[in-house]
PDB file of N, CA and C in Angstrom:
ATOM      1  N   MET A   1     231.115 103.367  16.964  1.00  0.00           N
ATOM      2  CA  MET A   1     229.786 102.868  16.132  1.00  0.00           C
ATOM      3  C   MET A   1     228.812 102.477  16.980  1.00  0.00           C
ATOM      4  N   MET A   2     227.796 102.809  16.776  1.00  0.00           N
ATOM      5  CA  MET A   2     226.541 102.473  17.634  1.00  0.00           C
ATOM      6  C   MET A   2     225.201 102.281  16.924  1.00  0.00           C
ATOM      7  N   PRO A   3     225.182 100.873  16.721  1.00  0.00           N
ATOM      8  CA  PRO A   3     224.062 100.592  15.554  1.00  0.00           C
ATOM      9  C   PRO A   3     222.430 100.630  16.526  1.00  0.00           C
ATOM     10  N   THR A   4     221.537 101.210  15.475  1.00  0.00           N
ATOM     11  CA  THR A   4     220.553 101.459  15.925  1.00  0.00           C
ATOM     12  C   THR A   4     219.525 100.190  16.270  1.00  0.00           C
ATOM     13  N   VAL A   5     219.095  99.996  17.392  1.00  0.00           N
ATOM     14  CA  VAL A   5     218.310  98.832  17.582  1.00  0.00           C
ATOM     15  C   VAL A   5     216.441  99.040  17.037  1.00  0.00           C
ATOM     16  N   ILE A   6     216.048 100.246  17.647  1.00  0.00           N
ATOM     17  CA  ILE A   6     214.642 100.792  17.185  1.00  0.00           C
ATOM     18  C   ILE A   6     214.742 102.503  17.242  1.00  0.00           C
ATOM     19  N   VAL A   7     213.819 102.753  16.511  1.00  0.00           N
ATOM     20  CA  VAL A   7     213.553 104.362  16.511  1.00  0.00           C
ATOM     21  C   VAL A   7     212.155 104.315  16.854  1.00  0.00           C
ATOM     22  N   VAL A   8     211.562 104.878  17.844  1.00  0.00           N
ATOM     23  CA  VAL A   8     210.198 105.245  18.531  1.00  0.00           C
ATOM     24  C   VAL A   8     210.045 106.782  18.811  1.00  0.00           C
ATOM     25  N   ASP A   9     209.225 107.176  18.008  1.00  0.00           N
ATOM     26  CA  ASP A   9     208.733 108.943  18.316  1.00  0.00           C
ATOM     27  C   ASP A   9     209.977 109.742  18.405  1.00  0.00           C
ATOM     28  N   GLY A  10     210.993 109.372  17.326  1.00  0.00           N
ATOM     29  CA  GLY A  10     212.114 110.047  17.237  1.00  0.00           C
ATOM     30  C   GLY A  10     213.185 110.092  18.125  1.00  0.00           C
ATOM     31  N   PHE A  11     212.975 108.879  19.388  1.00  0.00           N
ATOM     32  CA  PHE A  11     214.235 108.375  19.920  1.00  0.00           C
ATOM     33  C   PHE A  11     214.625 107.304  19.531  1.00  0.00           C
ATOM     34  N   ALA A  12     215.911 107.224  19.220  1.00  0.00           N
ATOM     35  CA  ALA A  12     216.895 106.404  18.549  1.00  0.00           C
ATOM     36  C   ALA A  12     217.656 105.680  19.760  1.00  0.00           C
ATOM     37  N   VAL A  13     217.267 103.979  19.409  1.00  0.00           N
ATOM     38  CA  VAL A  13     217.622 103.422  20.789  1.00  0.00           C
ATOM     39  C   VAL A  13     219.019 102.556  20.247  1.00  0.00           C
ATOM     40  N   ARG A  14     220.156 102.630  20.545  1.00  0.00           N
ATOM     41  CA  ARG A  14     221.345 102.293  20.092  1.00  0.00           C
ATOM     42  C   ARG A  14     222.236 101.420  20.746  1.00  0.00           C
ATOM     43  N   VAL A  15     223.161 100.572  20.408  1.00  0.00           N
ATOM     44  CA  VAL A  15     223.978  99.874  21.328  1.00  0.00           C
ATOM     45  C   VAL A  15     225.502  99.875  20.830  1.00  0.00           C
ATOM     46  N   ASN A  16     226.144 100.283  21.912  1.00  0.00           N
ATOM     47  CA  ASN A  16     227.934 100.546  21.602  1.00  0.00           C
ATOM     48  C   ASN A  16     228.249  99.244  21.321  1.00  0.00           C
ATOM     49  N   ILE A  17     228.964  98.711  20.101  1.00  0.00           N
ATOM     50  CA  ILE A  17     229.342  97.751  19.880  1.00  0.00           C
ATOM     51  C   ILE A  17     230.764  97.425  20.805  1.00  0.00           C
ATOM     52  N   VAL A  18     231.219  98.166  21.130  1.00  0.00           N
ATOM     53  CA  VAL A  18     232.492  98.408  21.879  1.00  0.00           C
ATOM     54  C   VAL A  18     232.294  98.219  23.319  1.00  0.00           C
ATOM     55  N   GLU A  19     232.952  97.150  24.218  1.00  0.00           N
ATOM     56  CA  GLU A  19     232.558  97.027  25.326  1.00  0.00           C
ATOM     57  C   GLU A  19     233.454  98.213  26.191  1.00  0.00           C
ATOM     58  N   ASP A  20     232.387  98.881  27.049  1.00  0.00           N
ATOM     59  CA  ASP A  20     232.570 100.031  27.817  1.00  0.00           C
ATOM     60  C   ASP A  20     232.851  99.559  29.218  1.00  0.00           C
ATOM     61  N   GLY A  21     232.420  98.281  29.895  1.00  0.00           N
ATOM     62  CA  GLY A  21     232.673  98.301  31.030  1.00  0.00           C
ATOM     63  C   GLY A  21     231.327  98.863  32.174  1.00  0.00           C
ATOM     64  N   GLU A  22     230.266  99.154  31.557  1.00  0.00           N
ATOM     65  CA  GLU A  22     229.094  99.910  31.936  1.00  0.00           C
ATOM     66  C   GLU A  22     228.081  98.896  32.265  1.00  0.00           C
ATOM     67  N   GLY A  23     228.355  97.626  31.867  1.00  0.00           N
ATOM     68  CA  GLY A  23     227.070  96.503  31.488  1.00  0.00           C
ATOM     69  C   GLY A  23     226.039  96.737  30.793  1.00  0.00           C
ATOM     70  N   PRO A  24     225.116  95.719  30.790  1.00  0.00           N
ATOM     71  CA  PRO A  24     224.394  95.891  29.655  1.00  0.00           C
ATOM     72  C   PRO A  24     223.270  96.995  29.814  1.00  0.00           C
ATOM     73  N   HIS A  25     223.494  97.938  28.592  1.00  0.00           N
ATOM     74  CA  HIS A  25     222.811  98.975  28.565  1.00  0.00           C
ATOM     75  C   HIS A  25     222.784  99.677  27.074  1.00  0.00           C
ATOM     76  N   VAL A  26     221.918 100.707  26.843  1.00  0.00           N
ATOM     77  CA  VAL A  26     221.593 101.192  25.628  1.00  0.00           C
ATOM     78  C   VAL A  26     221.783 102.617  25.656  1.00  0.00           C
ATOM     79  N   HIS A  27     221.915 102.953  24.491  1.00  0.00           N
ATOM     80  CA  HIS A  27     222.023 104.813  24.213  1.00  0.00           C
ATOM     81  C   HIS A  27     220.709 105.181  23.918  1.00  0.00           C
ATOM     82  N   VAL A  28     219.914 106.147  24.348  1.00  0.00           N
ATOM     83  CA  VAL A  28     218.913 106.498  23.905  1.00  0.00           C
ATOM     84  C   VAL A  28     219.013 108.094  23.367  1.00  0.00           C
ATOM     85  N   ILE A  29     218.877 108.449  22.262  1.00  0.00           N
ATOM     86  CA  ILE A  29     219.221 110.004  21.646  1.00  0.00           C
ATOM     87  C   ILE A  29     218.144 110.596  20.855  1.00  0.00           C
ATOM     88  N   LYS A  30     217.860 111.699  21.509  1.00  0.00           N
ATOM     89  CA  LYS A  30     216.642 112.568  20.769  1.00  0.00           C
ATOM     90  C   LYS A  30     217.016 114.109  20.682  1.00  0.00           C
ATOM     91  N   GLY A  31     217.154 114.692  19.533  1.00  0.00           N
ATOM     92  CA  GLY A  31     217.516 116.041  19.636  1.00  0.00           C
ATOM     93  C   GLY A  31     218.646 116.359  20.549  1.00  0.00           C
ATOM     94  N   GLY A  32     219.613 115.724  20.019  1.00  0.00           N
ATOM     95  CA  GLY A  32     221.157 116.414  20.727  1.00  0.00           C
ATOM     96  C   GLY A  32     221.273 115.889  22.156  1.00  0.00           C
ATOM     97  N   ARG A  33     220.394 115.096  22.976  1.00  0.00           N
ATOM     98  CA  ARG A  33     220.276 114.660  24.035  1.00  0.00           C
ATOM     99  C   ARG A  33     220.684 112.927  24.125  1.00  0.00           C
ATOM    100  N   GLU A  34     221.177 112.610  24.991  1.00  0.00           N
ATOM    101  CA  GLU A  34     221.913 111.354  24.993  1.00  0.00           C
ATOM    102  C   GLU A  34     221.400 110.546  26.253  1.00  0.00           C
ATOM    103  N   TYR A  35     220.620 109.830  26.573  1.00  0.00           N
ATOM    104  CA  TYR A  35     220.367 109.146  27.735  1.00  0.00           C
ATOM    105  C   TYR A  35     221.145 107.554  28.064  1.00  0.00           C
ATOM    106  N   HIS A  36     221.740 107.145  28.852  1.00  0.00           N
ATOM    107  CA  HIS A  36     222.302 105.928  29.088  1.00  0.00           C
ATOM    108  C   HIS A  36     221.450 104.981  29.897  1.00  0.00           C
ATOM    109  N   VAL A  37     220.803 104.271  29.715  1.00  0.00           N
ATOM    110  CA  VAL A  37     219.662 103.221  30.144  1.00  0.00           C
ATOM    111  C   VAL A  37     220.155 101.884  30.595  1.00  0.00           C
ATOM    112  N   ARG A  38     220.172 101.600  31.656  1.00  0.00           N
ATOM    113  CA  ARG A  38     220.620 100.059  32.039  1.00  0.00           C
ATOM    114  C   ARG A  38     219.681  99.676  31.703  1.00  0.00           C
ATOM    115  N   ILE A  39     219.800  97.866  31.074  1.00  0.00           N
ATOM    116  CA  ILE A  39     218.626  97.336  30.526  1.00  0.00           C
ATOM    117  C   ILE A  39     218.976  95.977  31.834  1.00  0.00           C
ATOM    118  N   LEU A  40     217.914  95.895  32.718  1.00  0.00           N
ATOM    119  CA  LEU A  40     217.589  94.774  33.383  1.00  0.00           C
ATOM    120  C   LEU A  40     216.786  93.893  32.932  1.00  0.00           C
ATOM    121  N   ARG A  41     216.793  92.571  33.455  1.00  0.00           N
ATOM    122  CA  ARG A  41     215.702  91.532  33.014  1.00  0.00           C
ATOM    123  C   ARG A  41     214.289  91.697  33.204  1.00  0.00           C
ATOM    124  N   ASP A  42     214.084  92.616  34.237  1.00  0.00           N
ATOM    125  CA  ASP A  42     212.473  93.311  34.743  1.00  0.00           C
ATOM    126  C   ASP A  42     212.025  94.492  34.337  1.00  0.00           C
ATOM    127  N   GLY A  43     213.230  95.359  33.666  1.00  0.00           N
ATOM    128  CA  GLY A  43     212.981  96.575  33.576  1.00  0.00           C
ATOM    129  C   GLY A  43     214.174  97.399  33.202  1.00  0.00           C
ATOM    130  N   ALA A  44     214.105  98.617  33.180  1.00  0.00           N
ATOM    131  CA  ALA A  44     215.197  99.655  32.842  1.00  0.00           C
ATOM    132  C   ALA A  44     215.407 100.580  33.843  1.00  0.00           C
ATOM    133  N   LEU A  45     216.775 101.361  33.932  1.00  0.00           N
ATOM    134  CA  LEU A  45     216.954 102.247  34.927  1.00  0.00           C
ATOM    135  C   LEU A  45     217.642 103.086  34.029  1.00  0.00           C
ATOM    136  N   LEU A  46     217.548 104.892  34.308  1.00  0.00           N
ATOM    137  CA  LEU A  46     218.346 105.590  33.926  1.00  0.00           C
ATOM    138  C   LEU A  46     219.677 105.785  34.429  1.00  0.00           C
ATOM    139  N   MET A  47     221.068 105.800  33.674  1.00  0.00           N
ATOM    140  CA  MET A  47     222.144 105.740  33.950  1.00  0.00           C
ATOM    141  C   MET A  47     222.732 107.148  34.087  1.00  0.00           C
ATOM    142  N   THR A  48     223.573 107.762  34.835  1.00  0.00           N
ATOM    143  CA  THR A  48     224.520 108.893  34.895  1.00  0.00           C
ATOM    144  C   THR A  48     225.724 108.404  34.851  1.00  0.00           C
ATOM    145  N   ILE A  49     226.634 109.273  34.518  1.00  0.00           N
ATOM    146  CA  ILE A  49     228.038 109.038  34.916  1.00  0.00           C
ATOM    147  C   ILE A  49     228.550 109.144  36.519  1.00  0.00           C
ATOM    148  N   GLY A  50     228.619 107.754  36.981  1.00  0.00           N
ATOM    149  CA  GLY A  50     229.002 107.619  38.395  1.00  0.00           C
ATOM    150  C   GLY A  50     228.068 106.817  38.965  1.00  0.00           C
ATOM    151  N   GLY A  51     226.777 106.493  38.534  1.00  0.00           N
ATOM    152  CA  GLY A  51     225.845 105.921  38.906  1.00  0.00           C
ATOM    153  C   GLY A  51     224.668 106.200  38.623  1.00  0.00           C
ATOM    154  N   TYR A  52     223.427 105.656  39.129  1.00  0.00           N
ATOM    155  CA  TYR A  52     222.137 105.556  38.676  1.00  0.00           C
ATOM    156  C   TYR A  52     221.152 106.396  39.150  1.00  0.00           C
ATOM    157  N   GLU A  53     220.138 106.906  38.757  1.00  0.00           N
ATOM    158  CA  GLU A  53     219.048 107.669  39.231  1.00  0.00           C
ATOM    159  C   GLU A  53     217.806 107.590  38.873  1.00  0.00           C
ATOM    160  N   LYS A  54     217.007 107.941  39.363  1.00  0.00           N
ATOM    161  CA  LYS A  54     215.645 107.774  38.868  1.00  0.00           C
ATOM    162  C   LYS A  54     215.397 108.654  37.597  1.00  0.00           C
ATOM    163  N   ALA A  55     214.576 108.515  36.336  1.00  0.00           N
ATOM    164  CA  ALA A  55     214.432 109.094  35.564  1.00  0.00           C
ATOM    165  C   ALA A  55     213.777 110.623  35.744  1.00  0.00           C
ATOM    166  N   THR A  56     214.366 111.782  35.548  1.00  0.00           N
ATOM    167  CA  THR A  56     213.738 112.715  35.615  1.00  0.00           C
ATOM    168  C   THR A  56     213.469 113.637  34.490  1.00  0.00           C
ATOM    169  N   GLY A  57     212.493 114.675  34.468  1.00  0.00           N
ATOM    170  CA  GLY A  57     212.043 115.210  33.342  1.00  0.00           C
ATOM    171  C   GLY A  57     211.212 114.367  32.296  1.00  0.00           C
ATOM    172  N   SER A  58     210.659 114.815  31.598  1.00  0.00           N
ATOM    173  CA  SER A  58     209.543 113.922  30.705  1.00  0.00           C
ATOM    174  C   SER A  58     210.267 113.382  29.805  1.00  0.00           C
ATOM    175  N   GLU A  59     211.359 113.935  28.865  1.00  0.00           N
ATOM    176  CA  GLU A  59     212.084 113.486  27.924  1.00  0.00           C
ATOM    177  C   GLU A  59     213.197 112.039  28.586  1.00  0.00           C
ATOM    178  N   ALA A  60     213.593 112.281  29.313  1.00  0.00           N
ATOM    179  CA  ALA A  60     214.476 111.326  30.195  1.00  0.00           C
ATOM    180  C   ALA A  60     213.408 109.944  30.548  1.00  0.00           C
ATOM    181  N   ARG A  61     212.214 110.565  31.397  1.00  0.00           N
ATOM    182  CA  ARG A  61     211.112 109.342  31.686  1.00  0.00           C
ATOM    183  C   ARG A  61     210.365 108.616  30.469  1.00  0.00           C
ATOM    184  N   ARG A  62     210.640 109.430  29.474  1.00  0.00           N
ATOM    185  CA  ARG A  62     210.030 108.851  28.012  1.00  0.00           C
ATOM    186  C   ARG A  62     211.185 107.815  27.664  1.00  0.00           C
ATOM    187  N   ALA A  63     212.153 108.108  27.573  1.00  0.00           N
ATOM    188  CA  ALA A  63     213.498 107.314  27.240  1.00  0.00           C
ATOM    189  C   ALA A  63     213.418 105.917  28.150  1.00  0.00           C
ATOM    190  N   VAL A  64     213.423 106.086  29.169  1.00  0.00           N
ATOM    191  CA  VAL A  64     213.277 104.729  30.085  1.00  0.00           C
ATOM    192  C   VAL A  64     212.409 104.012  29.711  1.00  0.00           C
ATOM    193  N   ARG A  65     210.994 104.618  29.313  1.00  0.00           N
ATOM    194  CA  ARG A  65     209.664 103.882  29.200  1.00  0.00           C
ATOM    195  C   ARG A  65     209.759 103.370  27.839  1.00  0.00           C
ATOM    196  N   ILE A  66     210.512 103.986  26.724  1.00  0.00           N
ATOM    197  CA  ILE A  66     210.440 103.113  25.871  1.00  0.00           C
ATOM    198  C   ILE A  66     211.683 101.897  25.751  1.00  0.00           C
ATOM    199  N   VAL A  67     212.631 102.129  26.302  1.00  0.00           N
ATOM    200  CA  VAL A  67     213.279 100.514  26.691  1.00  0.00           C
ATOM    201  C   VAL A  67     212.640  99.887  27.424  1.00  0.00           C
ATOM    202  N   GLU A  68     211.890 100.450  28.438  1.00  0.00           N
ATOM    203  CA  GLU A  68     211.013  99.122  29.175  1.00  0.00           C
ATOM    204  C   GLU A  68     210.228  98.171  28.152  1.00  0.00           C
ATOM    205  N   ASP A  69     209.406  99.148  27.264  1.00  0.00           N
ATOM    206  CA  ASP A  69     208.257  98.629  26.522  1.00  0.00           C
ATOM    207  C   ASP A  69     208.931  97.933  25.391  1.00  0.00           C
ATOM    208  N   HIS A  70     209.938  98.215  25.057  1.00  0.00           N
ATOM    209  CA  HIS A  70     210.943  97.063  24.072  1.00  0.00           C
ATOM    210  C   HIS A  70     212.051  96.047  24.486  1.00  0.00           C
ATOM    211  N   LEU A  71     211.866  95.977  25.544  1.00  0.00           N
ATOM    212  CA  LEU A  71     213.109  95.384  26.295  1.00  0.00           C
ATOM    213  C   LEU A  71     213.598  94.279  25.368  1.00  0.00           C
ATOM    214  N   ALA A  72     212.996  93.267  25.300  1.00  0.00           N
ATOM    215  CA  ALA A  72     213.395  92.119  24.530  1.00  0.00           C
ATOM    216  C   ALA A  72     214.140  92.810  23.176  1.00  0.00           C
ATOM    217  N   ALA A  73     213.965  93.460  22.622  1.00  0.00           N
ATOM    218  CA  ALA A  73     214.516  94.256  21.364  1.00  0.00           C
ATOM    219  C   ALA A  73     215.910  94.768  21.907  1.00  0.00           C
ATOM    220  N   CYS A  74     215.948  95.498  22.728  1.00  0.00           N
ATOM    221  CA  CYS A  74     217.169  96.221  23.486  1.00  0.00           C
ATOM    222  C   CYS A  74     218.064  94.797  24.068  1.00  0.00           C
ATOM    223  N   TRP A  75     217.650  93.867  24.459  1.00  0.00           N
ATOM    224  CA  TRP A  75     218.434  92.805  24.895  1.00  0.00           C
ATOM    225  C   TRP A  75     218.850  92.152  23.926  1.00  0.00           C
ATOM    226  N   ALA A  76     217.843  91.924  22.604  1.00  0.00           N
ATOM    227  CA  ALA A  76     218.570  91.384  21.537  1.00  0.00           C
ATOM    228  C   ALA A  76     219.607  92.269  20.880  1.00  0.00           C
ATOM    229  N   GLY A  77     219.686  93.146  20.596  1.00  0.00           N
ATOM    230  CA  GLY A  77     220.474  94.307  20.396  1.00  0.00           C
ATOM    231  C   GLY A  77     222.116  94.397  21.094  1.00  0.00           C
ATOM    232  N   TRP A  78     221.960  94.133  22.353  1.00  0.00           N
ATOM    233  CA  TRP A  78     222.815  94.252  23.354  1.00  0.00           C
ATOM    234  C   TRP A  78     223.460  92.701  22.873  1.00  0.00           C
ATOM    235  N   ASN A  79     222.723  91.553  22.996  1.00  0.00           N
ATOM    236  CA  ASN A  79     223.160  90.107  22.996  1.00  0.00           C
ATOM    237  C   ASN A  79     223.916  90.323  21.731  1.00  0.00           C
ATOM    238  N   LYS A  80     223.528  90.880  20.644  1.00  0.00           N
ATOM    239  CA  LYS A  80     224.163  90.695  19.271  1.00  0.00           C
ATOM    240  C   LYS A  80     225.497  91.291  19.336  1.00  0.00           C
ATOM    241  N   TRP A  81     225.968  91.805  20.196  1.00  0.00           N
ATOM    242  CA  TRP A  81     227.630  92.496  20.083  1.00  0.00           C
ATOM    243  C   TRP A  81     228.130  91.986  21.633  1.00  0.00           C
ATOM    244  N   HIS A  82     227.479  91.703  22.471  1.00  0.00           N
ATOM    245  CA  HIS A  82     228.225  91.616  23.883  1.00  0.00           C
ATOM    246  C   HIS A  82     228.037  89.857  24.590  1.00  0.00           C
ATOM    247  N   ALA A  83     227.702  89.142  23.641  1.00  0.00           N
ATOM    248  CA  ALA A  83     227.103  87.923  24.156  1.00  0.00           C
ATOM    249  C   ALA A  83     228.184  86.606  23.889  1.00  0.00           C
TER     250      ALA A  83
END
């Protein structure tokens, strides 16, 4: 189960309530695509399986930007389940 933290322009930002060992991150979902975005105190970073990379593609960049623009809400959602 992944509760939705926020929805912006069709992007749903969700938090996995089960600890998965990936550290603080959210799942940003739109149109069947899912981006794992690491949340940091000073920004966000797109996650991929096995590592991290710069967000490529306009939708991926938008997913990261939404998390950065709503960082406090993302942290609150993460901390609700993982603090």
